[in-house]
Amino acid sequence: MEHILVTTDFSDNAAAAIRFGLQLATQGGFKLVFMHVTEILKPVKWTEKFFMDFEQKELAGLEQQMKAQVMEVSGGTGSTVIDPEYVVRNSSSVPASLVHYAEQHHIKYICIARKGGGHTMRWFGSVTSTLMEKSTVPIVAVPETYQPSTIHSVCYASDLLNLYDELQVVRQFSDPLEAALELVHFSSIVEETVGVHDLGEIQEDLARQQVVAHIEALDYEKPLSKRLAEAVERFKPSVMVMFTRQDRSFFEKIFLSSVSAEFVFAAAIPLLVYRKQDQNRQLL
C-alpha cells in the first residue's frame, strides 16, 4: 500500500490538505501519515533531561491535537476508517524535516495546503515553494478552498519531452483513482522539438492509450500560467500535474510572470508536482 504524507499546522487552511488526503485514501486506497513539525528550543538553564521530558510531553500533546483535527475534518470517523499514522517532529526546518521523513519512509507523495494562516504563516508560503524546489518526493499543493469530491480526471501539462516515461509516472497516480487522463501541451513552431506531423501522430497514439490530448498553439503574448488557468476552466480536471525543473528561474517563468493568473490557477485545483528528470531542456 502506497503512503501519503499529509502536513498540518492545525490552521483552518491546513484542513484542505487533510480533506484531499482523505479523498485519496478513500478513492485510491492510499495509507495516510499525518505530520506536524514544530520547533521547541531548549532554555540555557534547563538540564538535558528536564528538556527531553518537556519535549516529549509537548510532542505528545501536539499529536493529540493533530488527531483531534483529523477526526473533526473527517467527520469523526477518519482515524478508524483510514487507520492513519501520526508523526510529530521537533525541527528548526520544516521542509528539511518533511523531506527527510518522506525519503526515509518511502512516502509516495507529500500533501500540503498551498496557502495558510494559523501560528506559522511560513508553512504554506515558503515551505510549499521550498518543497517544490528541493523535494525528491512529489508534492501535492492543495488550495485552501478545496472540498472533497470524486477525482474524475487528471490533467498532465506536458512539454512532450520524455512524454511516455512521464506518462507512465502520472498513471501511477491516476490509475489507482480510476481517473481519466488528459494531456495539455502548448506548441511552438519555432521551439517545438517535434514537427506538426509528429504532433498528429502523438495525439493518435495517446488516443489509443485512452489519453485525451489537447495540443494548442503557444501564445507569446499571454503568460503560460494564464493559459494553464484557462485550460483548467475549460477541461475542469480534478488535479493538474506538472514536471518541473527545480530551480528558481523555472518557477519565476511559470508563476511570477502574472501574479493574478498564477493565483487563479493555483487556487483552482490541487497541483501535483514531480521532479523532471531531463535537466537540460527548457519546459514550454
Protein backbone atom coordinates (compact mmCIF):
# COMPACT_ATOMS: atom_id res chain seq x y z
CA MET A 1 0.00 0.00 0.00
CA GLU A 2 1.37 3.41 -1.00
CA HIS A 3 1.78 6.02 1.76
CA ILE A 4 0.94 9.73 1.52
CA LEU A 5 2.39 12.27 3.95
CA VAL A 6 -0.21 14.91 4.84
CA THR A 7 1.12 18.02 6.56
CA THR A 8 -0.72 20.24 9.02
CA ASP A 9 -0.04 23.23 11.26
CA PHE A 10 -3.56 22.96 12.76
CA SER A 11 -4.86 26.00 10.87
CA ASP A 12 -8.18 26.02 9.02
CA ASN A 13 -6.29 26.16 5.74
CA ALA A 14 -4.30 23.06 6.62
CA ALA A 15 -7.62 21.22 6.74
CA ALA A 16 -7.68 21.39 2.92
CA ALA A 17 -4.67 19.08 2.71
CA ILE A 18 -6.35 16.72 5.17
CA ARG A 19 -9.56 16.70 3.12
CA PHE A 20 -7.65 15.90 -0.06
CA GLY A 21 -5.63 13.22 1.69
CA LEU A 22 -8.84 11.61 2.93
CA GLN A 23 -10.24 11.69 -0.62
CA LEU A 24 -7.12 9.96 -1.96
CA ALA A 25 -7.30 7.33 0.77
CA THR A 26 -10.99 6.68 0.18
CA GLN A 27 -10.80 6.60 -3.61
CA GLY A 28 -7.34 5.15 -4.22
CA GLY A 29 -6.64 3.02 -1.17
CA PHE A 30 -3.63 5.05 -0.03
CA LYS A 31 -2.48 4.95 3.59
CA LEU A 32 -2.14 8.36 5.23
CA VAL A 33 0.58 9.62 7.52
CA PHE A 34 -0.27 12.95 9.15
CA MET A 35 2.72 15.03 10.18
CA HIS A 36 3.32 18.21 12.13
CA VAL A 37 6.70 19.90 12.56
CA THR A 38 7.32 22.26 15.44
CA GLU A 39 10.35 23.98 16.93
CA ILE A 40 10.96 23.63 20.66
CA LEU A 41 14.02 25.46 21.88
CA LYS A 42 15.96 24.44 24.96
CA PRO A 43 16.44 27.22 27.53
CA VAL A 44 20.05 27.58 28.56
CA LYS A 45 19.34 26.94 32.23
CA TRP A 46 17.44 23.70 31.65
CA THR A 47 19.20 20.37 32.07
CA GLU A 48 19.16 17.97 29.12
CA LYS A 49 16.93 15.52 30.98
CA PHE A 50 14.43 18.18 32.01
CA PHE A 51 14.25 19.46 28.44
CA MET A 52 13.83 15.97 26.96
CA ASP A 53 10.94 15.24 29.34
CA PHE A 54 9.36 18.59 28.46
CA GLU A 55 9.86 17.97 24.75
CA GLN A 56 8.20 14.55 24.89
CA LYS A 57 5.18 15.97 26.71
CA GLU A 58 4.88 18.78 24.17
CA LEU A 59 5.13 16.40 21.21
CA ALA A 60 2.57 14.05 22.75
CA GLY A 61 0.18 16.97 23.23
CA LEU A 62 0.65 18.08 19.62
CA GLU A 63 -0.03 14.53 18.41
CA GLN A 64 -3.34 14.54 20.29
CA GLN A 65 -4.16 17.93 18.78
CA MET A 66 -3.41 16.55 15.32
CA LYS A 67 -5.64 13.52 15.91
CA ALA A 68 -8.44 15.82 17.02
CA GLN A 69 -8.13 17.93 13.87
CA VAL A 70 -8.19 14.86 11.60
CA MET A 71 -11.22 13.48 13.44
CA GLU A 72 -13.01 16.82 13.11
CA VAL A 73 -12.22 17.18 9.40
CA SER A 74 -13.19 13.59 8.63
CA GLY A 75 -16.50 13.88 10.45
CA GLY A 76 -15.38 11.88 13.46
CA THR A 77 -14.67 8.63 11.62
CA GLY A 78 -11.32 9.26 9.91
CA SER A 79 -9.00 7.50 12.35
CA THR A 80 -10.97 4.26 12.38
CA VAL A 81 -11.75 4.18 8.66
CA ILE A 82 -8.34 5.00 7.25
CA ASP A 83 -6.14 3.79 10.15
CA PRO A 84 -3.66 6.67 9.78
CA GLU A 85 -0.29 7.21 11.40
CA TYR A 86 0.59 10.39 13.27
CA VAL A 87 4.08 11.89 13.38
CA VAL A 88 5.32 14.97 15.25
CA ARG A 89 8.89 16.20 14.90
CA ASN A 90 10.90 18.91 16.62
CA SER A 91 12.98 20.69 13.99
CA SER A 92 14.17 24.15 13.06
CA SER A 93 13.50 23.43 9.36
CA VAL A 94 10.02 22.34 8.33
CA PRO A 95 10.91 21.48 4.69
CA ALA A 96 14.02 19.52 5.65
CA SER A 97 12.14 17.56 8.29
CA LEU A 98 9.30 16.71 5.91
CA VAL A 99 11.60 15.63 3.09
CA HIS A 100 13.84 13.60 5.38
CA TYR A 101 10.89 11.70 6.82
CA ALA A 102 9.36 11.16 3.37
CA GLU A 103 12.60 9.83 1.92
CA GLN A 104 13.36 7.59 4.90
CA HIS A 105 9.87 6.06 4.94
CA HIS A 106 9.35 5.71 1.17
CA ILE A 107 6.46 8.16 1.04
CA LYS A 108 4.80 8.33 -2.39
CA TYR A 109 3.51 11.93 -2.17
CA ILE A 110 3.72 14.87 0.21
CA CYS A 111 0.38 16.67 0.50
CA ILE A 112 0.41 20.28 1.74
CA ALA A 113 -2.02 23.18 1.68
CA ARG A 114 -0.73 25.98 -0.54
CA LYS A 115 -1.89 28.96 1.49
CA GLY A 116 -2.48 29.16 5.17
CA GLY A 117 -2.59 31.02 8.40
CA GLY A 118 -2.52 29.99 12.00
CA HIS A 119 0.56 30.47 14.10
CA THR A 120 3.03 29.53 11.34
CA MET A 121 2.39 31.51 8.19
CA ARG A 122 5.63 30.19 6.69
CA TRP A 123 4.14 26.69 6.46
CA PHE A 124 2.15 27.48 3.35
CA GLY A 125 4.29 30.14 1.74
CA SER A 126 8.00 29.47 1.72
CA VAL A 127 7.59 25.84 2.82
CA THR A 128 5.45 24.87 -0.16
CA SER A 129 7.81 26.67 -2.54
CA THR A 130 10.87 25.14 -0.94
CA LEU A 131 9.39 21.65 -1.13
CA MET A 132 8.59 22.09 -4.82
CA GLU A 133 12.14 23.24 -5.49
CA LYS A 134 14.04 20.74 -3.34
CA SER A 135 12.00 17.61 -2.65
CA THR A 136 12.75 14.36 -4.41
CA VAL A 137 9.27 13.20 -3.36
CA PRO A 138 6.36 14.52 -5.49
CA ILE A 139 4.41 17.37 -3.89
CA VAL A 140 0.64 17.88 -3.98
CA ALA A 141 -0.18 21.55 -3.31
CA VAL A 142 -3.84 21.78 -2.29
CA PRO A 143 -5.78 25.07 -2.47
CA GLU A 144 -7.24 26.21 0.82
CA THR A 145 -10.72 26.21 -0.75
CA TYR A 146 -10.63 22.51 -1.65
CA GLN A 147 -13.73 20.50 -0.79
CA PRO A 148 -13.89 16.69 -1.16
CA SER A 149 -15.25 15.36 -4.43
CA THR A 150 -14.52 12.37 -6.65
CA ILE A 151 -11.27 12.73 -8.55
CA HIS A 152 -12.68 12.11 -12.03
CA SER A 153 -9.81 13.32 -14.22
CA VAL A 154 -6.12 14.20 -14.07
CA CYS A 155 -4.65 16.74 -16.50
CA TYR A 156 -0.94 16.39 -17.29
CA ALA A 157 0.68 19.62 -18.53
CA SER A 158 3.44 18.32 -20.82
CA ASP A 159 6.30 19.71 -22.88
CA LEU A 160 6.36 16.34 -24.78
CA LEU A 161 9.95 15.73 -23.69
CA ASN A 162 10.20 12.32 -22.05
CA LEU A 163 6.49 12.07 -22.79
CA TYR A 164 5.96 8.35 -22.40
CA ASP A 165 8.20 7.98 -19.35
CA GLU A 166 6.39 10.83 -17.63
CA LEU A 167 3.02 9.48 -18.72
CA GLN A 168 3.82 6.20 -17.03
CA VAL A 169 4.63 8.08 -13.83
CA VAL A 170 1.37 10.05 -13.99
CA ARG A 171 -0.57 6.82 -14.45
CA GLN A 172 0.78 5.63 -11.11
CA PHE A 173 -1.31 8.44 -9.63
CA SER A 174 -4.39 8.34 -11.87
CA ASP A 175 -4.86 4.57 -12.26
CA PRO A 176 -5.48 3.72 -8.57
CA LEU A 177 -8.06 6.51 -8.54
CA GLU A 178 -9.68 5.19 -11.75
CA ALA A 179 -9.47 8.76 -13.04
CA ALA A 180 -9.46 9.72 -16.72
CA LEU A 181 -6.15 11.07 -18.02
CA GLU A 182 -5.82 14.17 -20.19
CA LEU A 183 -2.78 15.97 -21.59
CA VAL A 184 -2.36 19.63 -22.41
CA HIS A 185 0.55 20.99 -24.46
CA PHE A 186 1.21 24.43 -25.90
CA SER A 187 3.06 24.03 -29.20
CA SER A 188 5.60 26.49 -30.59
CA ILE A 189 6.51 26.34 -34.28
CA VAL A 190 9.89 27.94 -33.53
CA GLU A 191 10.88 25.96 -30.45
CA GLU A 192 8.94 22.74 -30.94
CA THR A 193 11.03 19.61 -30.65
CA VAL A 194 8.68 17.64 -32.89
CA GLY A 195 7.02 18.58 -36.16
CA VAL A 196 3.34 19.18 -36.87
CA HIS A 197 3.04 15.75 -38.44
CA ASP A 198 4.58 14.18 -35.36
CA LEU A 199 2.12 16.04 -33.14
CA GLY A 200 -0.74 14.44 -35.01
CA GLU A 201 0.81 11.03 -34.58
CA ILE A 202 1.30 11.67 -30.87
CA GLN A 203 -2.36 12.63 -30.49
CA GLU A 204 -3.46 9.45 -32.27
CA ASP A 205 -1.12 7.31 -30.21
CA LEU A 206 -2.33 8.88 -26.97
CA ALA A 207 -5.94 8.37 -28.04
CA ARG A 208 -5.21 4.65 -28.42
CA GLN A 209 -3.97 4.74 -24.83
CA GLN A 210 -7.21 6.45 -23.76
CA VAL A 211 -5.45 9.74 -23.12
CA VAL A 212 -7.23 12.83 -24.43
CA ALA A 213 -4.56 15.21 -25.78
CA HIS A 214 -5.21 18.95 -26.04
CA ILE A 215 -2.43 20.43 -28.20
CA GLU A 216 -2.74 24.17 -28.75
CA ALA A 217 -0.61 26.94 -30.23
CA LEU A 218 1.63 28.82 -27.84
CA ASP A 219 0.61 32.46 -27.40
CA TYR A 220 3.72 34.51 -26.61
CA GLU A 221 1.62 37.49 -25.54
CA LYS A 222 -0.13 35.52 -22.80
CA PRO A 223 1.71 34.13 -19.75
CA LEU A 224 1.83 30.37 -19.56
CA SER A 225 0.22 30.47 -16.12
CA LYS A 226 -2.76 32.23 -17.71
CA ARG A 227 -3.03 29.57 -20.40
CA LEU A 228 -2.97 26.86 -17.75
CA ALA A 229 -5.67 28.68 -15.80
CA GLU A 230 -7.82 28.78 -18.93
CA ALA A 231 -7.20 25.07 -19.52
CA VAL A 232 -8.41 24.31 -16.01
CA GLU A 233 -11.57 26.32 -16.69
CA ARG A 234 -12.28 24.57 -19.99
CA PHE A 235 -11.37 20.98 -19.17
CA LYS A 236 -12.27 21.08 -15.47
CA PRO A 237 -9.82 18.39 -14.29
CA SER A 238 -9.75 17.33 -10.66
CA VAL A 239 -5.95 17.55 -10.43
CA MET A 240 -3.27 19.24 -12.54
CA VAL A 241 0.11 17.50 -12.91
CA MET A 242 3.42 19.13 -13.87
CA PHE A 243 7.03 18.01 -14.09
CA THR A 244 9.36 20.81 -13.06
CA ARG A 245 12.99 21.70 -13.08
CA GLN A 246 13.69 22.59 -9.51
CA ASP A 247 15.37 25.94 -9.95
CA ARG A 248 14.18 29.42 -9.16
CA SER A 249 14.23 30.60 -12.79
CA PHE A 250 11.66 27.99 -13.80
CA PHE A 251 9.21 28.98 -11.08
CA GLU A 252 9.68 32.64 -11.88
CA LYS A 253 8.96 31.98 -15.57
CA ILE A 254 5.83 29.94 -14.94
CA PHE A 255 4.27 31.58 -11.91
CA LEU A 256 5.67 35.06 -11.38
CA SER A 257 5.04 36.26 -14.93
CA SER A 258 1.45 37.01 -13.98
CA VAL A 259 0.55 37.25 -10.31
CA SER A 260 -3.22 37.35 -10.89
CA ALA A 261 -3.17 34.45 -13.35
CA GLU A 262 -0.94 32.44 -11.01
CA PHE A 263 -3.40 32.96 -8.19
CA VAL A 264 -6.37 31.89 -10.28
CA PHE A 265 -4.57 28.77 -11.48
CA ALA A 266 -3.07 27.72 -8.18
CA ALA A 267 -6.27 28.33 -6.24
CA ALA A 268 -8.46 26.31 -8.57
CA ILE A 269 -7.46 22.67 -8.07
CA PRO A 270 -4.73 20.57 -6.42
CA LEU A 271 -1.40 20.68 -8.24
CA LEU A 272 0.84 17.58 -8.28
CA VAL A 273 4.48 18.46 -8.94
CA TYR A 274 7.12 15.90 -9.93
CA ARG A 275 10.82 16.49 -10.35
CA LYS A 276 11.69 16.46 -14.03
CA GLN A 277 14.47 14.03 -14.91
CA ASP A 278 15.70 15.83 -18.04
CA GLN A 279 17.54 18.84 -16.69
CA ASN A 280 18.93 20.07 -19.99
CA ARG A 281 15.88 21.18 -21.95
CA GLN A 282 13.51 24.09 -21.44
CA LEU A 283 9.89 23.46 -20.48
CA LEU A 284 7.19 25.11 -22.57
